[in-house]
């Protein structure tokens, strides 16, 4: 999305971090940051609404930080 000028943050469960790292290499973006959702959150992403809300609330500061960082690096 960022290649199209749309600010984005990748969020990946730590169980899939190996796949995310491989995608970074294949995309020639080895330093691309992404956020990890840790255990005990299940990697399937099938969460009750309250768990989804708590995951999102916990990540909001990190998402905002990465969006701000990516905006600073964006070409003018």
Protein backbone atom coordinates (compact mmCIF):
# COMPACT_ATOMS: atom_id res chain seq x y z
CA UNK A 1 0.00 0.00 0.00
CA UNK A 2 2.84 2.37 0.77
CA UNK A 3 4.14 1.96 -2.77
CA UNK A 4 0.81 3.52 -3.81
CA UNK A 5 1.17 6.35 -1.29
CA UNK A 6 -1.26 4.87 1.25
CA UNK A 7 0.14 4.85 4.81
CA UNK A 8 0.17 1.30 6.20
CA UNK A 9 1.48 -0.80 9.04
CA UNK A 10 1.87 -4.55 8.79
CA UNK A 11 0.65 -6.50 11.82
CA UNK A 12 1.75 -10.14 12.06
CA UNK A 13 1.35 -12.77 14.73
CA UNK A 14 4.73 -13.92 16.02
CA UNK A 15 3.91 -17.46 14.82
CA UNK A 16 4.07 -16.09 11.27
CA UNK A 17 7.12 -13.87 11.75
CA UNK A 18 9.30 -16.23 9.70
CA UNK A 19 6.96 -15.85 6.74
CA UNK A 20 6.85 -12.08 7.20
CA UNK A 21 10.64 -11.94 7.28
CA UNK A 22 10.80 -13.99 4.07
CA UNK A 23 8.36 -11.57 2.40
CA UNK A 24 10.55 -8.64 3.45
CA UNK A 25 13.53 -10.26 1.75
CA UNK A 26 11.57 -11.16 -1.39
CA UNK A 27 10.26 -7.59 -1.58
CA UNK A 28 13.79 -6.18 -1.28
CA UNK A 29 12.74 -4.42 1.92
CA UNK A 30 14.78 -6.24 4.59
CA UNK A 31 14.47 -3.36 7.07
CA UNK A 32 10.68 -2.95 6.75
CA UNK A 33 9.24 -2.82 10.26
CA UNK A 34 6.13 -4.72 11.25
CA UNK A 35 4.31 -5.19 14.52
CA UNK A 36 4.09 -8.60 16.13
CA UNK A 37 1.11 -9.87 18.04
CA UNK A 38 2.58 -12.09 20.76
CA UNK A 39 1.31 -15.18 22.47
CA UNK A 40 -0.92 -15.86 24.41
CA UNK A 41 -3.03 -14.37 21.61
CA UNK A 42 -3.84 -17.21 19.25
CA UNK A 43 -2.32 -16.94 15.78
CA UNK A 44 -5.53 -17.88 13.99
CA UNK A 45 -7.01 -14.40 14.35
CA UNK A 46 -10.38 -15.87 15.33
CA UNK A 47 -10.82 -13.89 18.49
CA UNK A 48 -13.80 -12.83 20.54
CA UNK A 49 -14.62 -9.14 20.01
CA UNK A 50 -13.24 -8.10 23.40
CA UNK A 51 -9.91 -9.81 22.69
CA UNK A 52 -9.70 -8.13 19.29
CA UNK A 53 -10.39 -4.78 20.96
CA UNK A 54 -7.65 -5.37 23.54
CA UNK A 55 -5.11 -6.35 20.86
CA UNK A 56 -5.91 -3.21 18.88
CA UNK A 57 -5.76 -0.96 21.95
CA UNK A 58 -2.39 -2.41 22.92
CA UNK A 59 -0.98 -1.77 19.42
CA UNK A 60 -2.35 1.76 18.84
CA UNK A 61 0.75 3.57 20.20
CA UNK A 62 3.08 1.42 18.07
CA UNK A 63 0.89 1.82 14.99
CA UNK A 64 0.87 5.61 15.40
CA UNK A 65 4.65 5.62 15.85
CA UNK A 66 5.26 3.59 12.68
CA UNK A 67 2.79 5.66 10.64
CA UNK A 68 4.55 8.86 11.77
CA UNK A 69 7.97 7.35 11.00
CA UNK A 70 6.83 6.17 7.57
CA UNK A 71 5.35 9.59 6.82
CA UNK A 72 8.66 11.28 7.63
CA UNK A 73 10.45 8.92 5.22
CA UNK A 74 7.89 9.28 2.42
CA UNK A 75 9.11 11.02 -0.74
CA UNK A 76 7.79 14.55 -1.18
